[in-house]
N, C-alpha and C. Protein backbone atom coordinates (compact mmCIF):
# COMPACT_ATOMS: atom_id res chain seq x y z
N MET A 1 0.76 -1.00 0.08
CA MET A 1 -0.03 -0.27 0.21
C MET A 1 0.75 1.25 -0.27
N SER A 2 0.47 2.18 -0.89
CA SER A 2 1.62 3.16 -1.01
C SER A 2 0.70 4.62 -0.68
N THR A 3 1.40 5.43 0.13
CA THR A 3 1.00 6.72 0.82
C THR A 3 0.80 7.77 -0.67
N LEU A 4 -0.32 8.59 -0.28
CA LEU A 4 0.03 9.62 -1.20
C LEU A 4 0.96 10.93 -0.88
N ASN A 5 1.44 11.01 0.32
CA ASN A 5 2.08 11.93 0.82
C ASN A 5 3.50 11.51 0.83
N THR A 6 4.20 11.40 -0.29
CA THR A 6 5.71 10.82 -0.21
C THR A 6 6.87 11.70 -0.51
N THR A 7 6.02 13.11 -0.64
CA THR A 7 7.54 13.95 -1.14
C THR A 7 8.16 14.53 -0.06
N ASP A 8 9.35 15.17 -0.22
CA ASP A 8 10.11 15.67 0.89
C ASP A 8 9.70 16.77 1.76
N LYS A 9 9.08 17.73 1.18
CA LYS A 9 8.23 19.13 0.78
C LYS A 9 7.58 18.90 2.75
N ILE A 10 6.61 17.44 2.53
CA ILE A 10 5.82 16.89 3.81
C ILE A 10 6.72 16.91 4.95
N LEU A 11 7.85 16.21 4.62
CA LEU A 11 8.89 15.67 5.55
C LEU A 11 9.66 16.66 6.12
N LYS A 12 9.76 17.87 5.65
CA LYS A 12 10.67 18.65 6.08
C LYS A 12 10.04 19.57 7.13
N LYS A 13 10.88 19.87 8.44
CA LYS A 13 10.43 20.64 9.43
C LYS A 13 10.61 22.27 9.09
N LYS A 14 8.85 22.88 9.82
CA LYS A 14 8.83 24.31 9.30
C LYS A 14 9.96 25.08 10.59
N ILE A 15 10.43 26.13 9.79
CA ILE A 15 11.54 26.92 10.43
C ILE A 15 10.54 27.64 11.51
N ARG A 16 10.73 27.47 12.82
CA ARG A 16 10.17 28.48 13.95
C ARG A 16 11.01 29.42 14.15
N VAL A 17 10.40 30.95 13.51
CA VAL A 17 11.19 31.87 13.74
C VAL A 17 10.79 32.77 15.02
N GLY A 18 12.16 33.23 15.44
CA GLY A 18 11.97 33.95 16.92
C GLY A 18 11.83 33.15 18.02
N ARG A 19 12.33 31.86 18.07
CA ARG A 19 12.01 30.74 19.15
C ARG A 19 13.89 30.64 19.78
N GLY A 20 14.36 31.60 20.31
CA GLY A 20 15.69 31.46 20.86
C GLY A 20 16.52 31.47 20.20
N ILE A 21 17.67 31.69 20.70
CA ILE A 21 19.15 32.08 19.92
C ILE A 21 19.68 30.51 19.18
N GLY A 22 19.18 29.37 19.97
CA GLY A 22 19.73 28.39 19.49
C GLY A 22 18.95 27.76 17.96
N SER A 23 17.80 28.31 17.93
CA SER A 23 17.20 27.81 16.51
C SER A 23 18.24 28.49 15.40
N GLY A 24 18.94 29.50 15.57
CA GLY A 24 19.29 29.98 14.48
C GLY A 24 18.70 31.09 13.76
N LYS A 25 17.42 31.13 14.68
CA LYS A 25 16.29 31.99 13.89
C LYS A 25 15.56 32.84 14.40
N GLY A 26 16.60 33.27 15.96
CA GLY A 26 15.90 33.86 17.36
C GLY A 26 16.52 35.69 17.01
N LYS A 27 15.86 36.16 18.19
CA LYS A 27 16.16 37.17 18.47
C LYS A 27 15.45 38.38 17.37
N THR A 28 16.16 38.66 16.10
CA THR A 28 15.63 39.37 15.03
C THR A 28 14.94 38.71 14.02
N SER A 29 14.90 37.32 14.15
CA SER A 29 14.17 36.12 13.46
C SER A 29 14.79 36.47 11.43
N GLY A 30 15.89 36.91 11.88
CA GLY A 30 16.81 36.84 10.22
C GLY A 30 16.27 38.16 9.61
N ARG A 31 15.78 39.28 10.06
CA ARG A 31 15.50 40.65 9.25
C ARG A 31 16.43 41.26 9.68
N GLY A 32 17.69 41.12 10.31
CA GLY A 32 18.61 42.11 10.41
C GLY A 32 18.03 42.91 11.40
N VAL A 33 18.98 43.98 11.68
CA VAL A 33 18.65 45.17 12.66
C VAL A 33 17.84 46.50 11.85
N LYS A 34 17.01 47.23 12.87
CA LYS A 34 16.42 48.22 12.25
C LYS A 34 16.16 48.41 10.80
N GLY A 35 15.42 49.26 10.71
CA GLY A 35 15.42 49.78 8.83
C GLY A 35 13.97 49.40 8.82
N GLN A 36 13.51 49.70 7.62
CA GLN A 36 12.26 49.85 6.91
C GLN A 36 11.78 48.19 6.67
N LYS A 37 12.71 47.51 6.45
CA LYS A 37 12.64 46.20 6.00
C LYS A 37 12.46 45.51 7.15
N SER A 38 12.88 45.63 8.54
CA SER A 38 12.85 44.96 9.72
C SER A 38 11.35 45.03 10.43
N ARG A 39 10.86 45.95 9.88
CA ARG A 39 9.18 46.08 10.58
C ARG A 39 8.33 45.08 9.90
N SER A 40 7.20 44.84 10.37
CA SER A 40 6.01 44.02 9.94
C SER A 40 5.39 44.94 8.98
N GLY A 41 4.67 44.51 8.01
CA GLY A 41 3.63 44.85 7.35
C GLY A 41 4.11 46.08 6.24
N VAL A 42 5.63 46.00 6.06
CA VAL A 42 6.01 47.03 5.20
C VAL A 42 6.63 46.18 3.77
N ALA A 43 5.98 46.75 2.56
CA ALA A 43 6.81 46.31 1.74
C ALA A 43 7.13 47.87 0.92
N ILE A 44 8.55 47.79 0.54
CA ILE A 44 8.84 49.09 -0.58
C ILE A 44 8.36 49.21 -1.88
N LYS A 45 7.11 49.93 -2.13
CA LYS A 45 6.55 50.38 -3.45
C LYS A 45 7.28 50.13 -4.40
N SER A 46 7.13 49.41 -5.48
CA SER A 46 7.63 49.38 -6.74
C SER A 46 9.32 48.97 -6.52
N PHE A 47 9.80 48.56 -5.64
CA PHE A 47 10.98 48.49 -5.42
C PHE A 47 11.10 46.93 -5.90
N GLU A 48 12.38 46.55 -6.93
CA GLU A 48 12.10 45.30 -7.90
C GLU A 48 13.62 44.91 -7.24
N GLY A 49 14.20 44.83 -6.29
CA GLY A 49 15.62 44.52 -5.97
C GLY A 49 16.66 44.89 -6.64
N GLY A 50 16.97 46.17 -6.83
CA GLY A 50 17.76 46.97 -7.52
C GLY A 50 17.63 47.05 -9.20
N GLN A 51 16.93 45.94 -9.44
CA GLN A 51 16.40 46.07 -10.77
C GLN A 51 15.67 47.15 -11.16
N MET A 52 16.08 47.80 -12.28
CA MET A 52 15.32 49.35 -12.79
C MET A 52 14.01 49.07 -12.61
N PRO A 53 13.45 49.91 -11.99
CA PRO A 53 11.95 49.77 -11.43
C PRO A 53 10.93 49.98 -12.95
N LEU A 54 9.63 49.04 -13.30
CA LEU A 54 8.92 49.39 -14.35
C LEU A 54 8.61 50.94 -14.77
N TYR A 55 8.34 51.84 -13.51
CA TYR A 55 7.93 53.01 -13.74
C TYR A 55 9.17 54.08 -14.54
N ARG A 56 10.45 53.40 -14.31
CA ARG A 56 11.83 54.37 -14.98
C ARG A 56 12.28 53.55 -16.34
N ARG A 57 11.79 52.42 -16.51
CA ARG A 57 11.87 51.69 -17.40
C ARG A 57 11.19 52.12 -18.70
N LEU A 58 9.85 52.60 -18.21
CA LEU A 58 9.05 53.25 -19.38
C LEU A 58 9.11 54.63 -19.86
N PRO A 59 9.18 55.10 -21.12
CA PRO A 59 9.23 56.45 -21.35
C PRO A 59 8.26 57.36 -21.01
N LYS A 60 8.32 58.48 -20.79
CA LYS A 60 7.46 59.39 -20.33
C LYS A 60 6.90 59.98 -21.44
N ARG A 61 5.41 59.87 -21.75
CA ARG A 61 4.64 60.54 -23.01
C ARG A 61 3.57 61.26 -22.52
N GLY A 62 3.58 62.55 -23.45
CA GLY A 62 2.36 63.18 -23.60
C GLY A 62 2.29 64.42 -22.03
N PHE A 63 1.15 65.26 -22.41
CA PHE A 63 0.55 65.92 -21.70
C PHE A 63 -0.68 66.47 -21.62
N ASN A 64 -1.40 66.79 -20.67
CA ASN A 64 -2.51 67.61 -20.90
C ASN A 64 -2.70 69.19 -20.76
N SER A 65 -2.85 69.97 -21.82
CA SER A 65 -2.57 71.11 -22.13
C SER A 65 -4.07 71.19 -21.34
N PHE A 66 -3.37 72.67 -20.44
CA PHE A 66 -5.01 73.23 -20.13
C PHE A 66 -5.68 74.49 -20.59
N THR A 67 -4.34 74.81 -21.57
CA THR A 67 -5.21 75.89 -22.75
C THR A 67 -6.32 75.63 -23.69
N LYS A 68 -5.98 73.99 -23.68
CA LYS A 68 -6.42 73.63 -25.36
C LYS A 68 -8.41 73.82 -25.00
N ILE A 69 -8.70 74.48 -26.17
CA ILE A 69 -10.10 74.58 -26.28
C ILE A 69 -10.85 73.47 -26.22
N LYS A 70 -12.07 73.32 -25.63
CA LYS A 70 -12.62 71.99 -25.70
C LYS A 70 -14.16 72.04 -26.84
N ILE A 71 -13.97 71.46 -28.13
CA ILE A 71 -15.27 71.70 -28.89
C ILE A 71 -15.92 70.30 -28.75
N ALA A 72 -16.99 70.71 -28.95
CA ALA A 72 -17.99 69.76 -29.25
C ALA A 72 -18.37 69.77 -30.57
N ILE A 73 -18.18 68.38 -30.90
CA ILE A 73 -18.70 67.98 -32.60
C ILE A 73 -20.27 67.57 -32.55
N MET A 74 -20.76 67.96 -33.39
CA MET A 74 -22.02 67.50 -33.88
C MET A 74 -22.44 67.07 -35.50
N ASN A 75 -22.85 65.98 -35.50
CA ASN A 75 -22.99 65.49 -37.05
C ASN A 75 -24.19 66.08 -37.42
N LEU A 76 -24.69 65.98 -38.57
CA LEU A 76 -26.17 66.62 -39.52
C LEU A 76 -26.96 65.23 -38.92
N GLU A 77 -26.57 64.05 -39.37
CA GLU A 77 -27.35 62.74 -39.01
C GLU A 77 -27.96 62.62 -37.42
N LYS A 78 -26.83 62.99 -36.64
CA LYS A 78 -27.29 63.08 -35.33
C LYS A 78 -28.19 64.31 -34.69
N ILE A 79 -28.20 65.10 -35.60
CA ILE A 79 -29.25 66.43 -34.98
C ILE A 79 -30.57 65.95 -35.50
N GLN A 80 -30.51 65.43 -36.91
CA GLN A 80 -31.72 64.63 -37.49
C GLN A 80 -32.30 63.75 -36.64
N SER A 81 -31.63 62.86 -36.08
CA SER A 81 -32.34 61.89 -34.97
C SER A 81 -32.83 62.39 -33.68
N PHE A 82 -32.00 63.39 -33.09
CA PHE A 82 -32.79 64.07 -31.97
C PHE A 82 -33.86 64.87 -32.35
N ILE A 83 -34.20 65.07 -33.53
CA ILE A 83 -35.37 65.77 -34.09
C ILE A 83 -36.31 64.84 -34.26
N ASP A 84 -36.20 63.49 -34.92
CA ASP A 84 -36.95 62.54 -35.25
C ASP A 84 -37.32 61.91 -33.73
N LYS A 85 -36.17 61.84 -32.77
CA LYS A 85 -37.04 61.29 -31.40
C LYS A 85 -37.66 62.78 -30.49
N LYS A 86 -37.73 63.69 -31.18
CA LYS A 86 -38.48 64.76 -30.32
C LYS A 86 -37.68 65.50 -29.54
N THR A 87 -36.64 65.33 -29.09
CA THR A 87 -35.90 65.69 -28.19
C THR A 87 -35.58 67.28 -28.71
N ILE A 88 -35.31 67.40 -30.07
CA ILE A 88 -35.08 68.85 -30.19
C ILE A 88 -36.25 68.94 -31.28
N LYS A 89 -36.75 70.28 -31.35
CA LYS A 89 -38.25 70.79 -31.62
C LYS A 89 -37.10 71.36 -33.07
N SER A 90 -37.84 71.13 -34.44
CA SER A 90 -37.45 72.10 -35.83
C SER A 90 -37.34 73.26 -35.84
N GLY A 91 -38.28 73.83 -34.96
CA GLY A 91 -38.04 75.54 -34.88
C GLY A 91 -37.26 76.10 -34.32
N ASP A 92 -36.77 75.31 -33.02
CA ASP A 92 -35.68 75.57 -32.29
C ASP A 92 -34.37 76.56 -32.90
N LEU A 93 -33.70 77.30 -32.34
CA LEU A 93 -32.34 77.73 -32.88
C LEU A 93 -31.53 76.61 -31.98
N ILE A 94 -30.99 76.01 -32.63
CA ILE A 94 -29.74 75.21 -32.33
C ILE A 94 -28.34 75.40 -31.80
N ASN A 95 -28.34 75.97 -30.58
CA ASN A 95 -26.63 76.36 -30.33
C ASN A 95 -26.13 75.39 -29.14
N THR A 96 -25.15 76.21 -28.73
CA THR A 96 -24.43 75.43 -27.60
C THR A 96 -25.38 75.14 -26.24
N ASP A 97 -25.90 76.29 -26.05
CA ASP A 97 -26.89 76.58 -24.73
C ASP A 97 -27.79 75.49 -24.41
N LEU A 98 -28.60 75.40 -25.86
CA LEU A 98 -29.39 74.50 -25.99
C LEU A 98 -29.48 72.96 -25.95
N LEU A 99 -27.99 72.37 -26.49
CA LEU A 99 -27.42 71.60 -26.19
C LEU A 99 -26.93 71.13 -25.10
N LYS A 100 -26.53 72.05 -24.25
CA LYS A 100 -26.01 71.53 -22.95
C LYS A 100 -27.10 71.66 -22.08
N LYS A 101 -28.10 72.02 -21.94
CA LYS A 101 -29.40 72.15 -21.48
C LYS A 101 -29.85 71.14 -21.62
N LEU A 102 -29.74 70.25 -22.52
CA LEU A 102 -30.72 68.97 -22.79
C LEU A 102 -29.73 67.83 -22.88
N LYS A 103 -28.41 68.22 -22.35
CA LYS A 103 -27.43 67.20 -21.85
C LYS A 103 -26.80 66.35 -23.25
N LEU A 104 -27.14 67.04 -24.58
CA LEU A 104 -26.43 66.25 -25.75
C LEU A 104 -25.06 66.62 -25.88
N ILE A 105 -24.29 67.70 -25.27
CA ILE A 105 -22.92 67.89 -25.50
C ILE A 105 -22.56 68.13 -24.09
N ASN A 106 -21.20 67.74 -24.08
CA ASN A 106 -20.27 68.00 -22.55
C ASN A 106 -20.66 69.25 -21.76
N LYS A 107 -20.87 69.52 -20.93
CA LYS A 107 -21.19 70.86 -20.20
C LYS A 107 -20.04 71.96 -20.11
N ASN A 108 -18.83 71.17 -20.21
CA ASN A 108 -17.46 71.72 -20.45
C ASN A 108 -17.06 72.27 -21.64
N SER A 109 -17.75 71.82 -22.67
CA SER A 109 -17.43 72.31 -23.84
C SER A 109 -17.45 73.69 -24.17
N GLN A 110 -16.66 74.49 -24.69
CA GLN A 110 -16.61 76.16 -24.98
C GLN A 110 -17.13 76.45 -26.16
N LYS A 111 -16.81 75.42 -27.33
CA LYS A 111 -17.15 75.81 -28.85
C LYS A 111 -17.87 74.53 -29.53
N LEU A 112 -18.82 74.74 -30.30
CA LEU A 112 -19.65 73.55 -31.35
C LEU A 112 -19.38 73.79 -32.58
N LYS A 113 -18.98 72.52 -32.87
CA LYS A 113 -18.64 72.40 -34.79
C LYS A 113 -19.61 71.56 -35.26
N ILE A 114 -20.31 71.88 -36.24
CA ILE A 114 -21.32 70.81 -36.93
C ILE A 114 -20.53 70.34 -38.35
N LEU A 115 -20.53 69.11 -38.34
CA LEU A 115 -19.88 68.31 -39.33
C LEU A 115 -21.02 67.60 -40.43
N GLY A 116 -20.57 67.40 -41.43
CA GLY A 116 -21.66 67.45 -42.42
C GLY A 116 -22.22 65.76 -43.08
N SER A 117 -21.98 64.94 -41.74
CA SER A 117 -21.95 63.52 -42.11
C SER A 117 -23.56 63.29 -42.02
N GLY A 118 -23.87 62.66 -42.77
CA GLY A 118 -25.57 61.93 -42.86
C GLY A 118 -26.17 63.36 -43.73
N ASP A 119 -27.75 62.74 -43.51
CA ASP A 119 -28.24 64.04 -44.25
C ASP A 119 -29.29 64.50 -43.35
N ILE A 120 -29.83 65.82 -43.50
CA ILE A 120 -30.66 66.62 -42.59
C ILE A 120 -32.02 66.82 -43.58
N LYS A 121 -33.40 66.21 -43.07
CA LYS A 121 -34.42 66.74 -44.12
C LYS A 121 -35.31 67.80 -43.44
N ASP A 122 -35.11 68.08 -42.01
CA ASP A 122 -36.11 69.27 -41.74
C ASP A 122 -35.37 70.53 -41.84
N LYS A 123 -35.93 71.95 -42.00
CA LYS A 123 -35.78 73.10 -41.88
C LYS A 123 -35.27 73.24 -40.55
N ILE A 124 -33.79 73.67 -40.32
CA ILE A 124 -33.26 74.26 -38.97
C ILE A 124 -32.35 75.32 -39.24
N ASN A 125 -32.33 76.06 -37.92
CA ASN A 125 -31.44 77.27 -37.55
C ASN A 125 -30.64 76.86 -36.59
N ILE A 126 -29.36 77.01 -37.23
CA ILE A 126 -28.36 76.81 -36.19
C ILE A 126 -27.15 77.95 -35.66
N GLU A 127 -26.79 77.81 -34.89
CA GLU A 127 -26.22 78.73 -34.24
C GLU A 127 -24.49 78.20 -33.91
N ALA A 128 -23.47 78.18 -34.44
CA ALA A 128 -22.44 77.38 -34.16
C ALA A 128 -21.03 78.36 -34.05
N ASP A 129 -19.80 77.65 -33.39
CA ASP A 129 -18.73 78.51 -33.32
C ASP A 129 -18.06 77.97 -35.03
N LEU A 130 -18.18 76.82 -35.33
CA LEU A 130 -17.39 76.35 -36.29
C LEU A 130 -18.42 75.38 -37.07
N ILE A 131 -18.40 75.02 -38.55
CA ILE A 131 -19.03 74.42 -39.34
C ILE A 131 -18.15 74.21 -40.64
N SER A 132 -18.50 72.47 -40.90
CA SER A 132 -17.63 72.35 -42.39
C SER A 132 -18.64 72.75 -43.41
N LYS A 133 -17.72 72.79 -44.57
CA LYS A 133 -18.44 73.40 -45.96
C LYS A 133 -19.43 72.40 -46.53
N SER A 134 -19.38 70.96 -46.28
CA SER A 134 -20.29 69.97 -46.66
C SER A 134 -21.61 70.03 -45.89
N ALA A 135 -21.48 70.79 -44.25
CA ALA A 135 -22.83 70.75 -43.52
C ALA A 135 -23.18 71.98 -44.34
N ILE A 136 -22.72 73.27 -44.50
CA ILE A 136 -23.25 74.55 -45.10
C ILE A 136 -24.20 73.90 -46.35
N GLU A 137 -23.82 73.24 -47.13
CA GLU A 137 -24.23 73.01 -48.52
C GLU A 137 -25.42 72.03 -47.91
N LYS A 138 -25.55 71.02 -47.25
CA LYS A 138 -26.67 70.40 -46.93
C LYS A 138 -27.75 71.12 -46.18
N LEU A 139 -27.17 71.72 -45.12
CA LEU A 139 -28.29 72.97 -44.59
C LEU A 139 -28.85 73.91 -45.29
N LYS A 140 -28.34 74.42 -46.37
CA LYS A 140 -28.66 75.19 -47.01
C LYS A 140 -29.82 74.77 -48.52
N LYS A 141 -29.79 73.21 -48.53
CA LYS A 141 -30.38 72.51 -49.68
C LYS A 141 -31.63 72.26 -48.57
N ALA A 142 -31.50 71.73 -47.42
CA ALA A 142 -33.07 71.54 -46.95
C ALA A 142 -33.42 73.00 -46.33
N GLY A 143 -32.94 73.91 -46.35
CA GLY A 143 -33.54 75.62 -46.52
C GLY A 143 -33.45 75.79 -45.08
N GLY A 144 -32.20 75.62 -44.20
CA GLY A 144 -31.91 76.17 -42.90
C GLY A 144 -31.09 77.20 -42.85
N THR A 145 -31.02 77.41 -41.86
CA THR A 145 -29.95 78.81 -41.95
C THR A 145 -28.56 78.69 -40.95
N VAL A 146 -27.82 79.12 -40.93
CA VAL A 146 -26.49 79.19 -40.45
C VAL A 146 -25.94 80.37 -39.88
N GLN A 147 -25.89 80.46 -38.46
CA GLN A 147 -24.97 81.80 -37.73
C GLN A 147 -24.11 81.41 -37.35
N LEU A 148 -22.74 82.07 -37.82
CA LEU A 148 -21.49 81.61 -37.04
C LEU A 148 -21.05 82.77 -36.21
N LYS A 149 -20.47 82.12 -34.89
CA LYS A 149 -20.32 82.97 -33.72
C LYS A 149 -19.11 83.88 -34.37
N LYS A 150 -18.78 85.01 -33.74
CA LYS A 150 -17.33 85.55 -34.14
C LYS A 150 -16.70 85.14 -32.53
């Protein structure tokens, strides 16, 4: 009859740390004297044993410009879908304030740009900071008006 546990690992005695000078692991329990590593519950964060740590191996990239103007982008198809869903009335003047109030664009955006992707069927009035040529053409074809803020 064979036993399941015949490995050396199980037969090896556990080292009982801090159990007197005769054990060879007494007093400081193999932690040396003083310092951060001798205390309990302390790990030196991102220390890789003298190997160049990951945060120093990787290159630094990019930054966030705080002078950048946040521009909200709206496509004509998006505006048309909002009109179809009755979120926006086709008679309204569509501008930054209205879109922010309806939470269709981010409240932090400072400018509004209209792009010409998709088609517009309704007659709408738009007040925007920037607009693409294709968007102007499509709006004129539908009989709408465009006002550009200076």
